[in-house]
Amino acid sequence: MQATDERRTLVHALNQPVNVIRLTIANMGTRLLPGLDGDDRSYLVDRLAVIEAQIEHYVAITEAFERGAAAAQPVADRES
């Protein structure tokens, strides 16, 4: 049981900076997208989506670790 609590604590600590990154990219999109048109808007939307997909992949890995699973199912990689 102690190993599970230690994993949970570690996963929580690992996810904290990722949560800040996730909030920051959401705020960037909200602030910057209204002022962009065309290619610039498409580019930013795509880049933010890539970052979000990588965050989701990271979270899946940490959650699998917390459960004691050997590995998480990979999220399909997008071209960066």
PDB file of N, CA and C in Angstrom:
ATOM      1  N   MET A   1       0.823  -1.185   0.000  1.00  0.00           N
ATOM      2  CA  MET A   1       0.000   0.000   0.000  1.00  0.00           C
ATOM      3  C   MET A   1       0.869   1.251   0.000  1.00  0.00           C
ATOM      4  N   GLN A   2       1.996   1.233   0.704  1.00  0.00           N
ATOM      5  CA  GLN A   2       2.862   2.398   0.754  1.00  0.00           C
ATOM      6  C   GLN A   2       3.426   2.713  -0.628  1.00  0.00           C
ATOM      7  N   ALA A   3       3.761   1.707  -1.417  1.00  0.00           N
ATOM      8  CA  ALA A   3       4.277   1.935  -2.766  1.00  0.00           C
ATOM      9  C   ALA A   3       3.239   2.656  -3.615  1.00  0.00           C
ATOM     10  N   THR A   4       1.967   2.298  -3.462  1.00  0.00           N
ATOM     11  CA  THR A   4       0.894   2.966  -4.208  1.00  0.00           C
ATOM     12  C   THR A   4       0.800   4.429  -3.817  1.00  0.00           C
ATOM     13  N   ASP A   5       0.880   4.716  -2.533  1.00  0.00           N
ATOM     14  CA  ASP A   5       0.838   6.103  -2.060  1.00  0.00           C
ATOM     15  C   ASP A   5       2.041   6.886  -2.572  1.00  0.00           C
ATOM     16  N   GLU A   6       3.200   6.252  -2.594  1.00  0.00           N
ATOM     17  CA  GLU A   6       4.399   6.918  -3.102  1.00  0.00           C
ATOM     18  C   GLU A   6       4.268   7.199  -4.593  1.00  0.00           C
ATOM     19  N   ARG A   7       3.724   6.241  -5.339  1.00  0.00           N
ATOM     20  CA  ARG A   7       3.502   6.461  -6.781  1.00  0.00           C
ATOM     21  C   ARG A   7       2.524   7.596  -6.993  1.00  0.00           C
ATOM     22  N   ARG A   8       1.450   7.606  -6.229  1.00  0.00           N
ATOM     23  CA  ARG A   8       0.439   8.668  -6.356  1.00  0.00           C
ATOM     24  C   ARG A   8       1.056  10.040  -6.077  1.00  0.00           C
ATOM     25  N   THR A   9       1.874  10.127  -5.031  1.00  0.00           N
ATOM     26  CA  THR A   9       2.537  11.387  -4.691  1.00  0.00           C
ATOM     27  C   THR A   9       3.490  11.812  -5.803  1.00  0.00           C
ATOM     28  N   LEU A  10       4.249  10.873  -6.338  1.00  0.00           N
ATOM     29  CA  LEU A  10       5.176  11.177  -7.422  1.00  0.00           C
ATOM     30  C   LEU A  10       4.431  11.631  -8.664  1.00  0.00           C
ATOM     31  N   VAL A  11       3.367  10.936  -9.024  1.00  0.00           N
ATOM     32  CA  VAL A  11       2.585  11.311 -10.207  1.00  0.00           C
ATOM     33  C   VAL A  11       1.996  12.702 -10.028  1.00  0.00           C
ATOM     34  N   HIS A  12       1.499  12.989  -8.861  1.00  0.00           N
ATOM     35  CA  HIS A  12       0.954  14.321  -8.597  1.00  0.00           C
ATOM     36  C   HIS A  12       2.034  15.387  -8.804  1.00  0.00           C
ATOM     37  N   ALA A  13       3.213  15.154  -8.265  1.00  0.00           N
ATOM     38  CA  ALA A  13       4.318  16.106  -8.411  1.00  0.00           C
ATOM     39  C   ALA A  13       4.736  16.248  -9.877  1.00  0.00           C
ATOM     40  N   LEU A  14       4.758  15.154 -10.612  1.00  0.00           N
ATOM     41  CA  LEU A  14       5.125  15.205 -12.027  1.00  0.00           C
ATOM     42  C   LEU A  14       4.085  15.939 -12.865  1.00  0.00           C
ATOM     43  N   ASN A  15       2.828  15.799 -12.489  1.00  0.00           N
ATOM     44  CA  ASN A  15       1.758  16.416 -13.281  1.00  0.00           C
ATOM     45  C   ASN A  15       1.576  17.903 -13.012  1.00  0.00           C
ATOM     46  N   GLN A  16       2.075  18.421 -11.910  1.00  0.00           N
ATOM     47  CA  GLN A  16       1.871  19.833 -11.591  1.00  0.00           C
ATOM     48  C   GLN A  16       2.420  20.772 -12.666  1.00  0.00           C
ATOM     49  N   PRO A  17       3.673  20.627 -13.103  1.00  0.00           N
ATOM     50  CA  PRO A  17       4.152  21.529 -14.158  1.00  0.00           C
ATOM     51  C   PRO A  17       3.396  21.340 -15.470  1.00  0.00           C
ATOM     52  N   VAL A  18       2.948  20.134 -15.724  1.00  0.00           N
ATOM     53  CA  VAL A  18       2.193  19.864 -16.955  1.00  0.00           C
ATOM     54  C   VAL A  18       0.845  20.585 -16.911  1.00  0.00           C
ATOM     55  N   ASN A  19       0.232  20.644 -15.745  1.00  0.00           N
ATOM     56  CA  ASN A  19      -1.029  21.381 -15.617  1.00  0.00           C
ATOM     57  C   ASN A  19      -0.826  22.870 -15.883  1.00  0.00           C
ATOM     58  N   VAL A  20       0.290  23.408 -15.434  1.00  0.00           N
ATOM     59  CA  VAL A  20       0.599  24.815 -15.704  1.00  0.00           C
ATOM     60  C   VAL A  20       0.789  25.032 -17.203  1.00  0.00           C
ATOM     61  N   ILE A  21       1.496  24.124 -17.851  1.00  0.00           N
ATOM     62  CA  ILE A  21       1.697  24.222 -19.303  1.00  0.00           C
ATOM     63  C   ILE A  21       0.359  24.149 -20.020  1.00  0.00           C
ATOM     64  N   ARG A  22      -0.492  23.231 -19.614  1.00  0.00           N
ATOM     65  CA  ARG A  22      -1.811  23.081 -20.244  1.00  0.00           C
ATOM     66  C   ARG A  22      -2.632  24.370 -20.113  1.00  0.00           C
ATOM     67  N   LEU A  23      -2.652  24.956 -18.939  1.00  0.00           N
ATOM     68  CA  LEU A  23      -3.385  26.209 -18.742  1.00  0.00           C
ATOM     69  C   LEU A  23      -2.777  27.350 -19.559  1.00  0.00           C
ATOM     70  N   THR A  24      -1.463  27.366 -19.637  1.00  0.00           N
ATOM     71  CA  THR A  24      -0.784  28.419 -20.396  1.00  0.00           C
ATOM     72  C   THR A  24      -1.107  28.335 -21.878  1.00  0.00           C
ATOM     73  N   ILE A  25      -1.106  27.136 -22.454  1.00  0.00           N
ATOM     74  CA  ILE A  25      -1.418  27.044 -23.888  1.00  0.00           C
ATOM     75  C   ILE A  25      -2.883  27.373 -24.152  1.00  0.00           C
ATOM     76  N   ALA A  26      -3.757  27.038 -23.212  1.00  0.00           N
ATOM     77  CA  ALA A  26      -5.170  27.411 -23.376  1.00  0.00           C
ATOM     78  C   ALA A  26      -5.315  28.929 -23.349  1.00  0.00           C
ATOM     79  N   ASN A  27      -4.615  29.581 -22.428  1.00  0.00           N
ATOM     80  CA  ASN A  27      -4.662  31.035 -22.340  1.00  0.00           C
ATOM     81  C   ASN A  27      -4.041  31.691 -23.564  1.00  0.00           C
ATOM     82  N   MET A  28      -2.956  31.110 -24.074  1.00  0.00           N
ATOM     83  CA  MET A  28      -2.333  31.652 -25.287  1.00  0.00           C
ATOM     84  C   MET A  28      -3.308  31.602 -26.456  1.00  0.00           C
ATOM     85  N   GLY A  29      -3.982  30.477 -26.591  1.00  0.00           N
ATOM     86  CA  GLY A  29      -4.958  30.350 -27.665  1.00  0.00           C
ATOM     87  C   GLY A  29      -6.070  31.369 -27.534  1.00  0.00           C
ATOM     88  N   THR A  30      -6.584  31.517 -26.330  1.00  0.00           N
ATOM     89  CA  THR A  30      -7.673  32.472 -26.084  1.00  0.00           C
ATOM     90  C   THR A  30      -7.227  33.901 -26.373  1.00  0.00           C
ATOM     91  N   ARG A  31      -6.012  34.214 -26.012  1.00  0.00           N
ATOM     92  CA  ARG A  31      -5.523  35.594 -26.174  1.00  0.00           C
ATOM     93  C   ARG A  31      -5.051  35.895 -27.595  1.00  0.00           C
ATOM     94  N   LEU A  32      -4.365  34.947 -28.233  1.00  0.00           N
ATOM     95  CA  LEU A  32      -3.726  35.226 -29.519  1.00  0.00           C
ATOM     96  C   LEU A  32      -4.581  34.910 -30.743  1.00  0.00           C
ATOM     97  N   LEU A  33      -5.387  33.855 -30.656  1.00  0.00           N
ATOM     98  CA  LEU A  33      -6.144  33.432 -31.845  1.00  0.00           C
ATOM     99  C   LEU A  33      -7.094  34.490 -32.403  1.00  0.00           C
ATOM    100  N   PRO A  34      -7.794  35.259 -31.572  1.00  0.00           N
ATOM    101  CA  PRO A  34      -8.704  36.256 -32.146  1.00  0.00           C
ATOM    102  C   PRO A  34      -8.006  37.296 -33.032  1.00  0.00           C
ATOM    103  N   GLY A  35      -6.721  37.535 -32.805  1.00  0.00           N
ATOM    104  CA  GLY A  35      -5.992  38.526 -33.585  1.00  0.00           C
ATOM    105  C   GLY A  35      -5.309  37.972 -34.819  1.00  0.00           C
ATOM    106  N   LEU A  36      -5.467  36.681 -35.061  1.00  0.00           N
ATOM    107  CA  LEU A  36      -4.782  36.052 -36.196  1.00  0.00           C
ATOM    108  C   LEU A  36      -5.776  35.625 -37.263  1.00  0.00           C
ATOM    109  N   ASP A  37      -5.311  35.654 -38.489  1.00  0.00           N
ATOM    110  CA  ASP A  37      -6.102  35.190 -39.626  1.00  0.00           C
ATOM    111  C   ASP A  37      -5.274  34.229 -40.463  1.00  0.00           C
ATOM    112  N   GLY A  38      -5.966  33.467 -41.283  1.00  0.00           N
ATOM    113  CA  GLY A  38      -5.328  32.651 -42.306  1.00  0.00           C
ATOM    114  C   GLY A  38      -4.277  31.690 -41.804  1.00  0.00           C
ATOM    115  N   ASP A  39      -3.114  31.754 -42.476  1.00  0.00           N
ATOM    116  CA  ASP A  39      -2.034  30.809 -42.196  1.00  0.00           C
ATOM    117  C   ASP A  39      -1.498  30.914 -40.773  1.00  0.00           C
ATOM    118  N   ASP A  40      -1.398  32.146 -40.264  1.00  0.00           N
ATOM    119  CA  ASP A  40      -0.898  32.316 -38.899  1.00  0.00           C
ATOM    120  C   ASP A  40      -1.832  31.663 -37.884  1.00  0.00           C
ATOM    121  N   ARG A  41      -3.116  31.829 -38.082  1.00  0.00           N
ATOM    122  CA  ARG A  41      -4.105  31.223 -37.185  1.00  0.00           C
ATOM    123  C   ARG A  41      -4.034  29.701 -37.280  1.00  0.00           C
ATOM    124  N   SER A  42      -3.990  29.179 -38.487  1.00  0.00           N
ATOM    125  CA  SER A  42      -3.909  27.728 -38.685  1.00  0.00           C
ATOM    126  C   SER A  42      -2.648  27.157 -38.054  1.00  0.00           C
ATOM    127  N   TYR A  43      -1.549  27.874 -38.228  1.00  0.00           N
ATOM    128  CA  TYR A  43      -0.278  27.421 -37.665  1.00  0.00           C
ATOM    129  C   TYR A  43      -0.363  27.337 -36.138  1.00  0.00           C
ATOM    130  N   LEU A  44      -0.863  28.400 -35.500  1.00  0.00           N
ATOM    131  CA  LEU A  44      -0.947  28.409 -34.048  1.00  0.00           C
ATOM    132  C   LEU A  44      -1.904  27.336 -33.534  1.00  0.00           C
ATOM    133  N   VAL A  45      -3.048  27.184 -34.176  1.00  0.00           N
ATOM    134  CA  VAL A  45      -4.000  26.143 -33.774  1.00  0.00           C
ATOM    135  C   VAL A  45      -3.334  24.773 -33.849  1.00  0.00           C
ATOM    136  N   ASP A  46      -2.600  24.519 -34.928  1.00  0.00           N
ATOM    137  CA  ASP A  46      -1.935  23.228 -35.101  1.00  0.00           C
ATOM    138  C   ASP A  46      -0.857  23.008 -34.045  1.00  0.00           C
ATOM    139  N   ARG A  47      -0.040  24.010 -33.787  1.00  0.00           N
ATOM    140  CA  ARG A  47       1.031  23.877 -32.789  1.00  0.00           C
ATOM    141  C   ARG A  47       0.457  23.654 -31.395  1.00  0.00           C
ATOM    142  N   LEU A  48      -0.578  24.380 -31.049  1.00  0.00           N
ATOM    143  CA  LEU A  48      -1.196  24.197 -29.732  1.00  0.00           C
ATOM    144  C   LEU A  48      -1.814  22.802 -29.613  1.00  0.00           C
ATOM    145  N   ALA A  49      -2.375  22.302 -30.711  1.00  0.00           N
ATOM    146  CA  ALA A  49      -2.948  20.946 -30.698  1.00  0.00           C
ATOM    147  C   ALA A  49      -1.857  19.893 -30.509  1.00  0.00           C
ATOM    148  N   VAL A  50      -0.701  20.112 -31.110  1.00  0.00           N
ATOM    149  CA  VAL A  50       0.419  19.176 -30.940  1.00  0.00           C
ATOM    150  C   VAL A  50       0.867  19.164 -29.485  1.00  0.00           C
ATOM    151  N   ILE A  51       0.992  20.347 -28.889  1.00  0.00           N
ATOM    152  CA  ILE A  51       1.388  20.422 -27.482  1.00  0.00           C
ATOM    153  C   ILE A  51       0.364  19.711 -26.606  1.00  0.00           C
ATOM    154  N   GLU A  52      -0.921  19.959 -26.850  1.00  0.00           N
ATOM    155  CA  GLU A  52      -1.975  19.315 -26.056  1.00  0.00           C
ATOM    156  C   GLU A  52      -1.940  17.799 -26.211  1.00  0.00           C
ATOM    157  N   ALA A  53      -1.717  17.314 -27.412  1.00  0.00           N
ATOM    158  CA  ALA A  53      -1.644  15.865 -27.638  1.00  0.00           C
ATOM    159  C   ALA A  53      -0.474  15.252 -26.873  1.00  0.00           C
ATOM    160  N   GLN A  54       0.653  15.945 -26.836  1.00  0.00           N
ATOM    161  CA  GLN A  54       1.804  15.432 -26.098  1.00  0.00           C
ATOM    162  C   GLN A  54       1.543  15.457 -24.591  1.00  0.00           C
ATOM    163  N   ILE A  55       0.832  16.462 -24.128  1.00  0.00           N
ATOM    164  CA  ILE A  55       0.456  16.512 -22.713  1.00  0.00           C
ATOM    165  C   ILE A  55      -0.455  15.339 -22.377  1.00  0.00           C
ATOM    166  N   GLU A  56      -1.430  15.061 -23.221  1.00  0.00           N
ATOM    167  CA  GLU A  56      -2.332  13.930 -22.992  1.00  0.00           C
ATOM    168  C   GLU A  56      -1.557  12.616 -22.955  1.00  0.00           C
ATOM    169  N   HIS A  57      -0.586  12.482 -23.832  1.00  0.00           N
ATOM    170  CA  HIS A  57       0.251  11.281 -23.855  1.00  0.00           C
ATOM    171  C   HIS A  57       1.033  11.158 -22.542  1.00  0.00           C
ATOM    172  N   TYR A  58       1.632  12.238 -22.106  1.00  0.00           N
ATOM    173  CA  TYR A  58       2.388  12.257 -20.860  1.00  0.00           C
ATOM    174  C   TYR A  58       1.495  11.883 -19.676  1.00  0.00           C
ATOM    175  N   VAL A  59       0.308  12.476 -19.618  1.00  0.00           N
ATOM    176  CA  VAL A  59      -0.618  12.185 -18.520  1.00  0.00           C
ATOM    177  C   VAL A  59      -1.019  10.704 -18.535  1.00  0.00           C
ATOM    178  N   ALA A  60      -1.252  10.154 -19.723  1.00  0.00           N
ATOM    179  CA  ALA A  60      -1.599   8.726 -19.817  1.00  0.00           C
ATOM    180  C   ALA A  60      -0.472   7.857 -19.260  1.00  0.00           C
ATOM    181  N   ILE A  61       0.758   8.238 -19.541  1.00  0.00           N
ATOM    182  CA  ILE A  61       1.903   7.480 -19.031  1.00  0.00           C
ATOM    183  C   ILE A  61       1.978   7.582 -17.514  1.00  0.00           C
ATOM    184  N   THR A  62       1.828   8.790 -16.966  1.00  0.00           N
ATOM    185  CA  THR A  62       1.916   8.938 -15.515  1.00  0.00           C
ATOM    186  C   THR A  62       0.759   8.243 -14.810  1.00  0.00           C
ATOM    187  N   GLU A  63      -0.428   8.270 -15.416  1.00  0.00           N
ATOM    188  CA  GLU A  63      -1.562   7.568 -14.815  1.00  0.00           C
ATOM    189  C   GLU A  63      -1.344   6.056 -14.839  1.00  0.00           C
ATOM    190  N   ALA A  64      -0.771   5.547 -15.916  1.00  0.00           N
ATOM    191  CA  ALA A  64      -0.461   4.116 -15.985  1.00  0.00           C
ATOM    192  C   ALA A  64       0.565   3.755 -14.912  1.00  0.00           C
ATOM    193  N   PHE A  65       1.557   4.608 -14.727  1.00  0.00           N
ATOM    194  CA  PHE A  65       2.558   4.392 -13.681  1.00  0.00           C
ATOM    195  C   PHE A  65       1.898   4.372 -12.305  1.00  0.00           C
ATOM    196  N   GLU A  66       0.986   5.300 -12.092  1.00  0.00           N
ATOM    197  CA  GLU A  66       0.288   5.365 -10.808  1.00  0.00           C
ATOM    198  C   GLU A  66      -0.484   4.076 -10.534  1.00  0.00           C
ATOM    199  N   ARG A  67      -1.088   3.520 -11.572  1.00  0.00           N
ATOM    200  CA  ARG A  67      -1.839   2.263 -11.427  1.00  0.00           C
ATOM    201  C   ARG A  67      -0.914   1.055 -11.321  1.00  0.00           C
ATOM    202  N   GLY A  68       0.368   1.254 -11.609  1.00  0.00           N
ATOM    203  CA  GLY A  68       1.312   0.153 -11.560  1.00  0.00           C
ATOM    204  C   GLY A  68       1.429  -0.573 -12.884  1.00  0.00           C
ATOM    205  N   ALA A  69       0.839  -0.023 -13.929  1.00  0.00           N
ATOM    206  CA  ALA A  69       0.926  -0.640 -15.255  1.00  0.00           C
ATOM    207  C   ALA A  69       2.332  -0.449 -15.808  1.00  0.00           C
ATOM    208  N   ALA A  70       2.745  -1.371 -16.647  1.00  0.00           N
ATOM    209  CA  ALA A  70       4.083  -1.314 -17.234  1.00  0.00           C
ATOM    210  C   ALA A  70       4.216  -0.169 -18.216  1.00  0.00           C
ATOM    211  N   ALA A  71       3.173   0.090 -19.005  1.00  0.00           N
ATOM    212  CA  ALA A  71       3.241   1.156 -20.012  1.00  0.00           C
ATOM    213  C   ALA A  71       1.833   1.579 -20.402  1.00  0.00           C
ATOM    214  N   ALA A  72       1.734   2.788 -20.871  1.00  0.00           N
ATOM    215  CA  ALA A  72       0.450   3.295 -21.355  1.00  0.00           C
ATOM    216  C   ALA A  72       0.348   3.080 -22.853  1.00  0.00           C
ATOM    217  N   GLN A  73      -0.862   3.056 -23.347  1.00  0.00           N
ATOM    218  CA  GLN A  73      -1.066   2.999 -24.783  1.00  0.00           C
ATOM    219  C   GLN A  73      -0.595   4.307 -25.386  1.00  0.00           C
ATOM    220  N   PRO A  74       0.251   4.258 -26.413  1.00  0.00           N
ATOM    221  CA  PRO A  74       0.753   5.503 -26.986  1.00  0.00           C
ATOM    222  C   PRO A  74      -0.334   6.272 -27.720  1.00  0.00           C
ATOM    223  N   VAL A  75      -0.225   7.595 -27.637  1.00  0.00           N
ATOM    224  CA  VAL A  75      -1.085   8.475 -28.423  1.00  0.00           C
ATOM    225  C   VAL A  75      -0.420   8.616 -29.786  1.00  0.00           C
ATOM    226  N   ALA A  76      -1.203   8.557 -30.847  1.00  0.00           N
ATOM    227  CA  ALA A  76      -0.641   8.673 -32.187  1.00  0.00           C
ATOM    228  C   ALA A  76       0.159   9.974 -32.289  1.00  0.00           C
ATOM    229  N   ASP A  77       1.403   9.848 -32.718  1.00  0.00           N
ATOM    230  CA  ASP A  77       2.244  11.028 -32.874  1.00  0.00           C
ATOM    231  C   ASP A  77       1.791  11.843 -34.074  1.00  0.00           C
ATOM    232  N   ARG A  78       1.819  13.138 -33.892  1.00  0.00           N
ATOM    233  CA  ARG A  78       1.523  14.063 -34.975  1.00  0.00           C
ATOM    234  C   ARG A  78       2.825  14.685 -35.420  1.00  0.00           C
ATOM    235  N   GLU A  79       2.871  15.049 -36.661  1.00  0.00           N
ATOM    236  CA  GLU A  79       4.057  15.707 -37.189  1.00  0.00           C
ATOM    237  C   GLU A  79       4.229  17.039 -36.479  1.00  0.00           C
ATOM    238  N   SER A  80       5.434  17.346 -36.048  1.00  0.00           N
ATOM    239  CA  SER A  80       5.653  18.609 -35.334  1.00  0.00           C
ATOM    240  C   SER A  80       6.262  19.651 -36.180  1.00  0.00           C
TER     241      SER A  80
END
